[in-house]
């Protein structure tokens, strides 16, 4: 082979790799944008539907939805993530998974419908059983979308999934409003739920459907079910843990304090996981398709990116929590400030810790993540049980402590398997963490110096953000330069890749 032909192959390979990375980056950005749009859509839709339906209709729907939402945790058997590890040429595995998912989805839908019949009699709401039966169809749409979504993940094409999510949520919102205006009541919410799942399933299958063969082998999908079972177990452990925390806090501290804790917990998780879930998906795709050295590098950079986004956002929000709560929620929620000041930063740290999960799942060592998640849930329950002696603030502080311990244990146990060493990652987090602390201190100083008002709060937050930026340039200039180089190379695209390959050859 001649030197020119070798250079051409290197250039072509580099171009293909960068094009693939650009597609993945575009998909990740699109997914993040869609998440923001979904949040905005929900915030806009909630008051509209509340005005159109009223509390009674919302209450009926609230009785029907939890049954289907809980069953949906189990519907895909974890195969939605693990199937993406399988080469698409393994037709027996993909066909077996399709038939297994279809049977499971139909069985769970039937089971939920039967349970809804009894629940309707128990709560004395005849419409509940019919609503659950109709909502259960979403389980079939969910499982039918799993193989197509797994293929798109394996092809590093997250953009199609983001487009499907966006279209599904927009169409679902239009259906809900149109039916509510027409007097459908709670059925409009049922139709929205079904339309969202149906449109998503149709769009994903249009993009990546392949006709399964009429063959089934349980042994071929058993390894996927084992890994998927751990993923389902993690979801259930988190669900049971949240329910257990709420029940115990209600019994120990009363419903009023439970409301504050639940609200603070939901805000913290929602604000951080909206960003973290996008990073998790992108990292999982990389772990499936890229070389190990590349995965280690992108893990470190994604964790640093999350720290650069979440640390200043949560630290500044925690610093201005009393003023923001008073402006947005009113003085009756003043007790929420302390809870947010603890839970916001600690949720950011937890989201960074769980980025080890996609790599462990890709290499089939998810049992470590599962064990750590179960341990965290148990430790949080123990912290709540100590509530009569340490109070609610002490409980939340103890939760912060066990989350720090969870972070340390998870990244330490995962390091030998993933190759993502602890020290480089912590060095990447140090700059954003230190700069965020300085920014929060500056924001607090501004809040104390200025007269209380919404404008003063916004000015203080803007000043804190400016302080964070300046501090990052002072304490982590080298890291910022490396981050910019990565972004610049990505934006240069195929032409930049060709030039880089030619230079290296």
Protein backbone atom coordinates (compact mmCIF):
# COMPACT_ATOMS: atom_id res chain seq x y z
CA UNK A 1 0.00 0.00 0.00
CA UNK A 2 1.42 3.40 -0.92
CA UNK A 3 2.05 6.25 1.48
CA UNK A 4 -0.61 8.36 -0.21
CA UNK A 5 -3.20 5.63 0.07
CA UNK A 6 -2.35 5.12 3.73
CA UNK A 7 -2.70 8.83 4.33
CA UNK A 8 -6.03 8.78 2.52
CA UNK A 9 -7.32 5.95 4.69
CA UNK A 10 -6.17 7.72 7.84
CA UNK A 11 -7.79 10.93 6.70
CA UNK A 12 -11.00 9.12 5.80
CA UNK A 13 -11.04 7.29 9.12
CA UNK A 14 -10.43 10.49 11.07
CA UNK A 15 -13.14 12.26 9.09
CA UNK A 16 -15.60 9.43 9.80
CA UNK A 17 -14.76 9.48 13.50
CA UNK A 18 -15.23 13.23 13.79
CA UNK A 19 -18.45 13.07 11.78
CA UNK A 20 -19.70 10.37 14.16
CA UNK A 21 -18.65 12.44 17.17
CA UNK A 22 -20.37 15.48 15.73
CA UNK A 23 -23.57 13.47 15.24
CA UNK A 24 -23.38 12.30 18.85
CA UNK A 25 -22.66 15.82 20.10
CA UNK A 26 -25.54 17.22 18.04
CA UNK A 27 -27.83 14.53 19.43
CA UNK A 28 -26.77 15.28 23.00
CA UNK A 29 -27.34 19.02 22.50
CA UNK A 30 -30.70 18.29 20.86
CA UNK A 31 -31.70 16.05 23.77
CA UNK A 32 -30.78 18.75 26.26
CA UNK A 33 -32.73 21.36 24.29
CA UNK A 34 -35.76 19.07 24.11
CA UNK A 35 -35.60 18.57 27.89
CA UNK A 36 -35.71 22.33 28.39
CA UNK A 37 -38.62 22.64 25.94
CA UNK A 38 -40.49 19.83 27.71
CA UNK A 39 -40.08 21.60 31.04
CA UNK A 40 -41.27 24.91 29.59
CA UNK A 41 -44.22 23.16 27.93
CA UNK A 42 -45.24 21.51 31.19
CA UNK A 43 -45.03 24.82 33.05
CA UNK A 44 -47.21 26.49 30.41
CA UNK A 45 -49.66 23.62 30.10
CA UNK A 46 -50.28 23.04 33.82
CA UNK A 47 -52.17 26.29 34.58
CA UNK A 48 -54.10 26.02 31.29
CA UNK A 49 -55.29 22.49 32.04
CA UNK A 50 -55.94 23.37 35.68
CA UNK A 51 -58.25 26.19 34.59
CA UNK A 52 -60.00 24.04 31.98
CA UNK A 53 -60.51 20.94 34.14
CA UNK A 54 -60.63 21.95 37.78
CA UNK A 55 -59.42 19.99 40.83
CA UNK A 56 -62.05 17.23 40.68
CA UNK A 57 -61.02 16.03 37.22
CA UNK A 58 -57.34 16.24 38.13
CA UNK A 59 -58.08 14.17 41.21
CA UNK A 60 -59.70 11.37 39.21
CA UNK A 61 -56.73 11.28 36.86
CA UNK A 62 -54.35 11.25 39.83
CA UNK A 63 -56.03 8.06 41.06
CA UNK A 64 -55.52 6.30 37.73
CA UNK A 65 -52.02 7.38 36.68
CA UNK A 66 -49.78 5.97 39.47
CA UNK A 67 -50.67 2.36 38.64
CA UNK A 68 -49.54 2.68 35.03
CA UNK A 69 -46.52 4.83 35.92
CA UNK A 70 -45.28 2.19 38.35
CA UNK A 71 -45.78 -0.68 35.88
CA UNK A 72 -43.95 1.36 33.23
CA UNK A 73 -40.81 1.07 35.38
CA UNK A 74 -40.88 -2.68 34.73
CA UNK A 75 -42.20 -2.80 31.17
CA UNK A 76 -38.95 -2.85 29.18
CA UNK A 77 -37.17 -5.21 31.57
CA UNK A 78 -34.07 -3.05 31.25
CA UNK A 79 -33.63 -4.23 27.66
CA UNK A 80 -33.93 -0.68 26.39
CA UNK A 81 -30.39 -0.01 27.56
CA UNK A 82 -28.73 -3.41 27.26
CA UNK A 83 -29.94 -4.22 23.73
CA UNK A 84 -27.77 -1.40 22.41
CA UNK A 85 -24.73 -3.51 23.36
CA UNK A 86 -25.74 -6.19 20.86
CA UNK A 87 -24.52 -6.02 17.22
CA UNK A 88 -27.43 -5.54 14.84
CA UNK A 89 -26.29 -8.61 12.94
CA UNK A 90 -27.38 -10.78 15.90
CA UNK A 91 -30.84 -11.28 14.47
CA UNK A 92 -31.80 -14.05 16.92
CA UNK A 93 -31.15 -11.78 19.90
CA UNK A 94 -33.01 -8.81 18.44
CA UNK A 95 -35.96 -10.95 17.30
CA UNK A 96 -36.19 -12.74 20.63
CA UNK A 97 -36.07 -9.43 22.46
CA UNK A 98 -38.86 -8.01 20.27
CA UNK A 99 -41.23 -10.92 20.95
CA UNK A 100 -40.36 -10.96 24.65
CA UNK A 101 -41.01 -7.22 24.96
CA UNK A 102 -44.29 -7.46 23.06
CA UNK A 103 -45.53 -10.33 25.23
CA UNK A 104 -44.39 -8.59 28.44
CA UNK A 105 -45.99 -5.28 27.46
CA UNK A 106 -49.32 -6.91 26.62
CA UNK A 107 -49.27 -8.99 29.82
CA UNK A 108 -48.49 -5.98 32.00
CA UNK A 109 -51.16 -3.91 30.26
CA UNK A 110 -53.71 -6.67 30.93
CA UNK A 111 -52.60 -7.00 34.54
CA UNK A 112 -52.81 -3.24 35.13
CA UNK A 113 -56.30 -3.19 33.60
CA UNK A 114 -57.48 -5.99 35.91
CA UNK A 115 -56.01 -4.17 38.92
CA UNK A 116 -57.78 -1.00 37.77
CA UNK A 117 -61.11 -2.80 37.87
CA UNK A 118 -60.62 -3.52 41.60
CA UNK A 119 -59.16 -0.08 42.33
CA UNK A 120 -62.19 1.60 40.78
CA UNK A 121 -64.45 -0.25 43.21
CA UNK A 122 -62.19 0.48 46.19
CA UNK A 123 -62.07 4.25 45.60
CA UNK A 124 -65.67 4.31 44.37
CA UNK A 125 -64.75 6.07 41.14
CA UNK A 126 -66.20 4.13 38.17
CA UNK A 127 -64.11 6.07 35.63
CA UNK A 128 -60.81 5.01 37.21
CA UNK A 129 -60.95 1.43 35.94
CA UNK A 130 -61.66 2.53 32.36
CA UNK A 131 -58.92 5.17 32.53
CA UNK A 132 -56.34 2.64 33.74
CA UNK A 133 -57.38 0.24 30.98
CA UNK A 134 -56.87 2.93 28.34
CA UNK A 135 -53.66 4.25 29.91
CA UNK A 136 -52.31 0.68 29.90
CA UNK A 137 -52.09 0.82 26.11
CA UNK A 138 -49.13 3.14 26.64
CA UNK A 139 -47.19 0.13 27.95
CA UNK A 140 -47.55 -1.55 24.55
CA UNK A 141 -46.38 1.59 22.77
CA UNK A 142 -43.47 1.80 25.22
CA UNK A 143 -42.17 -1.71 24.57
CA UNK A 144 -42.64 -1.38 20.80
CA UNK A 145 -40.32 1.63 20.82
CA UNK A 146 -37.52 -0.17 22.72
CA UNK A 147 -35.78 -2.02 19.83
CA UNK A 148 -35.83 1.03 17.57
CA UNK A 149 -34.48 3.28 20.33
CA UNK A 150 -31.72 0.74 21.05
CA UNK A 151 -30.70 0.68 17.37
CA UNK A 152 -30.51 4.47 17.27
CA UNK A 153 -28.39 4.45 20.40
CA UNK A 154 -26.02 1.93 18.87
CA UNK A 155 -25.81 4.09 15.73
CA UNK A 156 -24.91 7.12 17.91
CA UNK A 157 -28.00 8.90 16.61
CA UNK A 158 -29.54 10.62 19.62
CA UNK A 159 -30.99 13.39 17.47
CA UNK A 160 -33.83 11.23 16.14
CA UNK A 161 -34.84 10.30 19.66
CA UNK A 162 -34.82 13.97 20.66
CA UNK A 163 -37.01 14.87 17.65
CA UNK A 164 -39.44 12.06 18.52
CA UNK A 165 -39.66 13.26 22.14
CA UNK A 166 -40.30 16.83 21.05
CA UNK A 167 -42.97 15.92 18.50
CA UNK A 168 -44.66 13.52 20.91
CA UNK A 169 -44.90 16.08 23.69
CA UNK A 170 -46.12 18.86 21.42
CA UNK A 171 -48.80 16.66 19.85
CA UNK A 172 -49.80 15.36 23.27
CA UNK A 173 -50.22 18.92 24.54
CA UNK A 174 -52.37 19.91 21.55
CA UNK A 175 -54.56 16.83 22.03
CA UNK A 176 -55.00 17.57 25.73
CA UNK A 177 -56.00 21.21 25.25
CA UNK A 178 -58.33 20.45 22.33
CA UNK A 179 -60.19 17.73 24.23
CA UNK A 180 -60.32 19.77 27.44
CA UNK A 181 -61.87 22.69 25.56
CA UNK A 182 -64.37 20.22 24.12
CA UNK A 183 -65.43 19.14 27.62
CA UNK A 184 -63.65 15.77 27.83
CA UNK A 185 -62.54 16.41 31.40
CA UNK A 186 -59.95 14.01 32.82
CA UNK A 187 -60.09 11.97 29.62
CA UNK A 188 -58.13 14.76 27.92
CA UNK A 189 -55.18 13.97 30.22
CA UNK A 190 -55.52 10.27 29.42
CA UNK A 191 -55.49 11.09 25.71
CA UNK A 192 -52.41 13.28 26.16
CA UNK A 193 -50.54 10.46 27.89
CA UNK A 194 -51.45 7.94 25.20
CA UNK A 195 -50.75 10.30 22.31
CA UNK A 196 -47.28 11.09 23.67
CA UNK A 197 -46.26 7.43 23.84
CA UNK A 198 -47.91 6.55 20.54
CA UNK A 199 -46.28 9.35 18.53
CA UNK A 200 -42.88 8.58 20.04
CA UNK A 201 -43.20 4.88 19.17
CA UNK A 202 -44.30 5.63 15.59
CA UNK A 203 -41.47 8.10 14.93
CA UNK A 204 -38.77 5.87 16.40
CA UNK A 205 -39.95 2.87 14.41
CA UNK A 206 -40.15 4.87 11.19
CA UNK A 207 -36.50 5.74 11.74
CA UNK A 208 -35.09 2.39 12.83
CA UNK A 209 -37.64 -0.44 12.55
CA UNK A 210 -36.50 -3.82 11.29
CA UNK A 211 -38.90 -6.71 10.86
CA UNK A 212 -38.15 -9.37 13.48
CA UNK A 213 -37.85 -12.98 12.47
CA UNK A 214 -40.33 -15.56 13.74
CA UNK A 215 -37.85 -17.07 16.17
CA UNK A 216 -37.40 -16.94 19.91
CA UNK A 217 -34.55 -18.06 22.13
CA UNK A 218 -34.73 -17.30 25.82
CA UNK A 219 -31.09 -18.22 26.28
CA UNK A 220 -30.01 -15.58 23.76
CA UNK A 221 -31.54 -12.72 25.75
CA UNK A 222 -30.88 -14.10 29.24
CA UNK A 223 -27.60 -12.12 29.64
CA UNK A 224 -29.46 -8.94 28.68
CA UNK A 225 -32.23 -9.74 31.14
CA UNK A 226 -29.66 -10.21 33.91
CA UNK A 227 -28.13 -6.79 33.27
CA UNK A 228 -31.53 -5.26 32.66
CA UNK A 229 -32.77 -6.74 35.91
CA UNK A 230 -30.14 -4.78 37.81
CA UNK A 231 -31.23 -1.63 36.00
CA UNK A 232 -34.86 -2.30 36.90
CA UNK A 233 -33.78 -3.09 40.45
CA UNK A 234 -32.04 0.28 40.67
CA UNK A 235 -35.19 2.06 39.50
CA UNK A 236 -37.33 0.18 42.01
CA UNK A 237 -34.87 0.83 44.82
CA UNK A 238 -34.97 4.56 44.11
CA UNK A 239 -38.77 4.50 43.90
CA UNK A 240 -39.21 2.55 47.13
CA UNK A 241 -36.63 4.78 48.83
CA UNK A 242 -38.48 7.97 47.89
CA UNK A 243 -41.82 6.55 49.03
CA UNK A 244 -40.26 5.33 52.29
CA UNK A 245 -38.68 8.71 52.99
CA UNK A 246 -41.98 10.51 52.42
CA UNK A 247 -43.96 8.13 54.64
CA UNK A 248 -41.46 8.37 57.50
CA UNK A 249 -41.14 12.16 57.28
CA UNK A 250 -44.93 12.48 57.31
CA UNK A 251 -45.18 10.33 60.44
CA UNK A 252 -42.26 11.98 62.25
CA UNK A 253 -42.60 15.65 61.27
CA UNK A 254 -46.13 16.00 59.88
CA UNK A 255 -47.63 16.76 56.50
CA UNK A 256 -46.57 20.43 56.38
CA UNK A 257 -42.86 19.65 56.69
CA UNK A 258 -43.29 16.71 54.31
CA UNK A 259 -44.57 19.18 51.72
CA UNK A 260 -41.47 21.36 52.11
CA UNK A 261 -39.11 18.37 51.98
CA UNK A 262 -40.81 16.84 48.94
CA UNK A 263 -40.83 20.14 47.09
CA UNK A 264 -37.15 20.82 47.86
CA UNK A 265 -36.20 17.26 46.89
CA UNK A 266 -38.11 17.44 43.62
CA UNK A 267 -36.66 20.81 42.65
CA UNK A 268 -33.12 19.63 43.41
CA UNK A 269 -33.45 16.35 41.52
CA UNK A 270 -35.30 17.88 38.60
CA UNK A 271 -32.87 20.77 38.15
CA UNK A 272 -29.80 18.54 38.15
CA UNK A 273 -31.08 15.39 36.45
CA UNK A 274 -32.42 17.37 33.48
CA UNK A 275 -28.79 18.04 32.55
CA UNK A 276 -27.30 14.82 33.94
CA UNK A 277 -29.60 12.48 31.99
CA UNK A 278 -28.40 13.93 28.68
CA UNK A 279 -24.77 13.38 29.69
CA UNK A 280 -25.61 9.83 30.86
CA UNK A 281 -27.08 8.93 27.46
CA UNK A 282 -24.18 10.41 25.49
CA UNK A 283 -21.62 8.66 27.68
CA UNK A 284 -23.42 5.32 27.32
CA UNK A 285 -23.28 5.62 23.54
CA UNK A 286 -19.57 6.39 23.73
CA UNK A 287 -18.94 3.47 26.08
CA UNK A 288 -20.65 1.13 23.61
CA UNK A 289 -18.98 2.30 20.43
CA UNK A 290 -15.65 4.01 21.20
CA UNK A 291 -12.23 2.83 22.33
CA UNK A 292 -11.62 2.61 26.06
CA UNK A 293 -9.10 5.47 26.13
CA UNK A 294 -11.61 7.72 24.39
CA UNK A 295 -14.34 6.72 26.86
CA UNK A 296 -12.10 7.52 29.84
CA UNK A 297 -11.31 10.94 28.39
CA UNK A 298 -14.90 11.83 27.59
CA UNK A 299 -16.04 10.63 31.04
CA UNK A 300 -13.62 13.02 32.70
CA UNK A 301 -14.63 15.87 30.39
CA UNK A 302 -18.36 15.27 30.81
CA UNK A 303 -18.01 15.21 34.59
CA UNK A 304 -16.10 18.48 34.40
CA UNK A 305 -18.72 19.94 32.06
CA UNK A 306 -21.49 18.95 34.49
CA UNK A 307 -19.55 20.53 37.34
CA UNK A 308 -19.09 23.72 35.30
CA UNK A 309 -22.86 23.90 34.72
CA UNK A 310 -24.39 22.48 37.90
CA UNK A 311 -22.01 23.73 40.60
CA UNK A 312 -22.39 27.46 39.90
CA UNK A 313 -26.13 27.08 39.20
CA UNK A 314 -26.86 25.18 42.41
CA UNK A 315 -24.44 27.12 44.63
CA UNK A 316 -25.80 30.48 43.48
CA UNK A 317 -29.41 29.28 43.77
CA UNK A 318 -28.63 28.03 47.28
CA UNK A 319 -27.08 31.38 48.23
CA UNK A 320 -30.13 33.32 47.01
CA UNK A 321 -32.68 30.71 48.10
CA UNK A 322 -34.53 32.85 50.71
CA UNK A 323 -34.94 35.77 48.30
CA UNK A 324 -35.96 33.55 45.37
CA UNK A 325 -38.49 31.64 47.47
CA UNK A 326 -40.02 34.84 48.81
CA UNK A 327 -40.33 36.30 45.29
CA UNK A 328 -41.61 33.18 43.54
CA UNK A 329 -43.54 31.25 46.21
CA UNK A 330 -44.32 33.72 48.97
CA UNK A 331 -43.41 33.89 52.67
CA UNK A 332 -45.35 30.73 53.62
CA UNK A 333 -42.57 28.68 51.97
CA UNK A 334 -39.76 30.38 53.91
CA UNK A 335 -38.81 27.10 55.62
CA UNK A 336 -37.83 25.74 52.22
CA UNK A 337 -34.63 27.83 52.05
CA UNK A 338 -32.49 25.73 54.37
CA UNK A 339 -33.53 22.50 52.68
CA UNK A 340 -32.67 23.86 49.24
CA UNK A 341 -29.32 25.17 50.42
CA UNK A 342 -28.33 21.63 51.34
CA UNK A 343 -30.11 19.54 48.71
CA UNK A 344 -29.27 21.58 45.60
CA UNK A 345 -25.45 21.27 45.75
CA UNK A 346 -25.56 17.67 46.95
CA UNK A 347 -27.88 16.68 44.10
CA UNK A 348 -25.37 18.15 41.66
CA UNK A 349 -22.62 16.01 43.18
CA UNK A 350 -24.80 12.89 43.00
CA UNK A 351 -25.53 13.48 39.30
CA UNK A 352 -21.78 13.67 38.63
CA UNK A 353 -21.19 10.44 40.58
CA UNK A 354 -23.77 8.47 38.60
CA UNK A 355 -21.92 9.17 35.35
CA UNK A 356 -19.95 6.02 36.16
CA UNK A 357 -23.21 4.10 35.63
CA UNK A 358 -23.35 4.11 31.81
CA UNK A 359 -19.79 2.78 31.53
CA UNK A 360 -20.47 0.03 34.08
CA UNK A 361 -23.64 -0.88 32.19
CA UNK A 362 -21.80 -0.98 28.87
CA UNK A 363 -19.14 -3.37 30.25
CA UNK A 364 -21.76 -5.49 32.06
CA UNK A 365 -20.62 -4.62 35.60
CA UNK A 366 -23.72 -2.72 36.67
CA UNK A 367 -23.97 -4.67 39.94
CA UNK A 368 -21.56 -2.16 41.50
CA UNK A 369 -23.86 0.74 40.64
CA UNK A 370 -26.89 -1.22 41.86
CA UNK A 371 -25.25 -2.01 45.21
CA UNK A 372 -24.20 1.61 45.74
CA UNK A 373 -27.70 2.87 44.86
CA UNK A 374 -29.35 0.44 47.28
CA UNK A 375 -26.85 1.43 49.96
CA UNK A 376 -27.61 5.11 49.44
CA UNK A 377 -31.36 4.47 49.69
CA UNK A 378 -30.95 2.53 52.95
CA UNK A 379 -28.64 5.18 54.41
CA UNK A 380 -31.14 7.94 53.60
CA UNK A 381 -33.92 5.96 55.29
CA UNK A 382 -31.73 5.53 58.39
CA UNK A 383 -31.11 9.29 58.38
CA UNK A 384 -34.86 9.94 58.35
CA UNK A 385 -35.39 7.47 61.19
CA UNK A 386 -33.03 9.59 63.30
CA UNK A 387 -35.37 12.54 62.78
CA UNK A 388 -36.90 12.60 66.29
CA UNK A 389 -33.42 13.28 67.71
CA UNK A 390 -31.77 15.47 65.06
CA UNK A 391 -34.72 17.32 63.51
CA UNK A 392 -35.51 17.84 59.83
CA UNK A 393 -32.45 20.03 59.23
CA UNK A 394 -30.30 17.31 60.77
CA UNK A 395 -31.97 14.69 58.56
CA UNK A 396 -31.22 16.66 55.42
CA UNK A 397 -27.66 17.27 56.61
CA UNK A 398 -27.23 13.53 57.21
CA UNK A 399 -28.55 12.87 53.71
CA UNK A 400 -25.89 15.21 52.39
CA UNK A 401 -23.25 13.30 54.33
CA UNK A 402 -24.31 9.88 53.02
CA UNK A 403 -24.45 11.29 49.47
CA UNK A 404 -20.85 12.46 49.80
CA UNK A 405 -19.95 8.98 50.99
CA UNK A 406 -21.87 7.47 48.07
CA UNK A 407 -19.92 9.67 45.65
CA UNK A 408 -16.59 8.60 47.11
CA UNK A 409 -17.42 4.88 47.21
CA UNK A 410 -18.95 4.72 43.71
CA UNK A 411 -16.14 6.49 41.87
CA UNK A 412 -13.53 4.50 43.82
CA UNK A 413 -15.10 1.09 43.17
CA UNK A 414 -15.78 1.89 39.52
CA UNK A 415 -12.28 3.20 38.74
CA UNK A 416 -10.46 -0.17 38.28
CA UNK A 417 -13.18 -1.45 35.94
CA UNK A 418 -13.85 1.65 33.88
CA UNK A 419 -10.29 2.97 33.77
CA UNK A 420 -11.60 6.36 34.94
CA UNK A 421 -9.10 7.12 37.69
CA UNK A 422 -10.27 9.14 40.67
CA UNK A 423 -7.52 11.76 40.88
CA UNK A 424 -7.85 13.21 37.33
CA UNK A 425 -11.61 13.48 37.73
CA UNK A 426 -11.33 15.22 41.10
CA UNK A 427 -8.78 17.65 39.68
CA UNK A 428 -11.27 18.49 36.93
CA UNK A 429 -14.00 19.13 39.52
CA UNK A 430 -11.82 21.22 41.84
CA UNK A 431 -11.81 24.39 39.73
CA UNK A 432 -15.60 24.62 39.22
CA UNK A 433 -16.23 23.70 42.89
CA UNK A 434 -13.85 26.32 44.29
CA UNK A 435 -15.03 29.00 41.87
CA UNK A 436 -18.67 28.23 42.71
CA UNK A 437 -17.98 28.62 46.43
CA UNK A 438 -16.34 32.00 45.79
CA UNK A 439 -19.25 33.02 43.57
CA UNK A 440 -21.81 32.01 46.21
CA UNK A 441 -19.94 34.04 48.84
CA UNK A 442 -19.92 37.06 46.53
CA UNK A 443 -23.64 36.65 45.85
CA UNK A 444 -24.40 36.49 49.58
CA UNK A 445 -22.34 39.63 50.19
CA UNK A 446 -24.24 41.49 47.47
CA UNK A 447 -27.59 40.36 48.87
CA UNK A 448 -26.68 41.69 52.30
CA UNK A 449 -25.38 44.98 50.89
CA UNK A 450 -28.33 45.76 48.59
CA UNK A 451 -31.84 46.58 49.71
CA UNK A 452 -34.12 43.53 49.47
CA UNK A 453 -35.93 43.37 46.12
CA UNK A 454 -36.28 41.10 43.11
CA UNK A 455 -33.97 43.39 41.13
CA UNK A 456 -31.32 43.15 43.88
CA UNK A 457 -31.60 39.36 43.81
CA UNK A 458 -31.11 39.23 40.05
CA UNK A 459 -28.17 41.65 40.23
CA UNK A 460 -26.58 39.55 42.97
CA UNK A 461 -26.97 36.37 40.93
CA UNK A 462 -25.46 38.07 37.87
CA UNK A 463 -22.56 39.30 40.00
CA UNK A 464 -22.05 35.78 41.34
CA UNK A 465 -21.94 34.40 37.81
CA UNK A 466 -19.36 37.03 36.83
CA UNK A 467 -17.28 36.14 39.90
CA UNK A 468 -17.45 32.45 38.96
CA UNK A 469 -16.21 33.19 35.44
CA UNK A 470 -13.34 35.36 36.69
CA UNK A 471 -12.39 32.81 39.33
CA UNK A 472 -12.28 30.01 36.76
CA UNK A 473 -9.83 32.04 34.67
CA UNK A 474 -7.66 32.58 37.72
CA UNK A 475 -7.64 29.07 39.23
CA UNK A 476 -8.24 26.83 36.21
CA UNK A 477 -7.02 28.60 33.08
CA UNK A 478 -5.37 25.43 31.74
CA UNK A 479 -8.57 23.42 32.09
CA UNK A 480 -10.60 26.10 30.32
CA UNK A 481 -8.08 26.18 27.48
CA UNK A 482 -8.35 22.40 27.06
CA UNK A 483 -12.15 22.58 27.11
CA UNK A 484 -12.15 25.26 24.43
CA UNK A 485 -9.76 23.24 22.26
CA UNK A 486 -12.12 20.26 22.38
CA UNK A 487 -15.11 22.41 21.42
CA UNK A 488 -13.14 24.11 18.64
CA UNK A 489 -12.01 20.79 17.15
CA UNK A 490 -15.55 19.49 17.26
CA UNK A 491 -16.94 22.58 15.55
CA UNK A 492 -14.27 22.44 12.81
CA UNK A 493 -15.86 19.21 11.61
CA UNK A 494 -14.63 16.93 8.87
CA UNK A 495 -12.31 19.46 7.30
CA UNK A 496 -10.46 19.91 10.56
CA UNK A 497 -10.26 16.17 10.97
CA UNK A 498 -8.72 15.73 7.56
CA UNK A 499 -6.09 18.32 8.26
CA UNK A 500 -5.32 16.78 11.63
CA UNK A 501 -4.98 13.31 10.08
CA UNK A 502 -2.72 14.61 7.35
CA UNK A 503 -0.49 16.25 9.93
CA UNK A 504 -0.27 13.12 12.05
CA UNK A 505 0.53 10.97 9.04
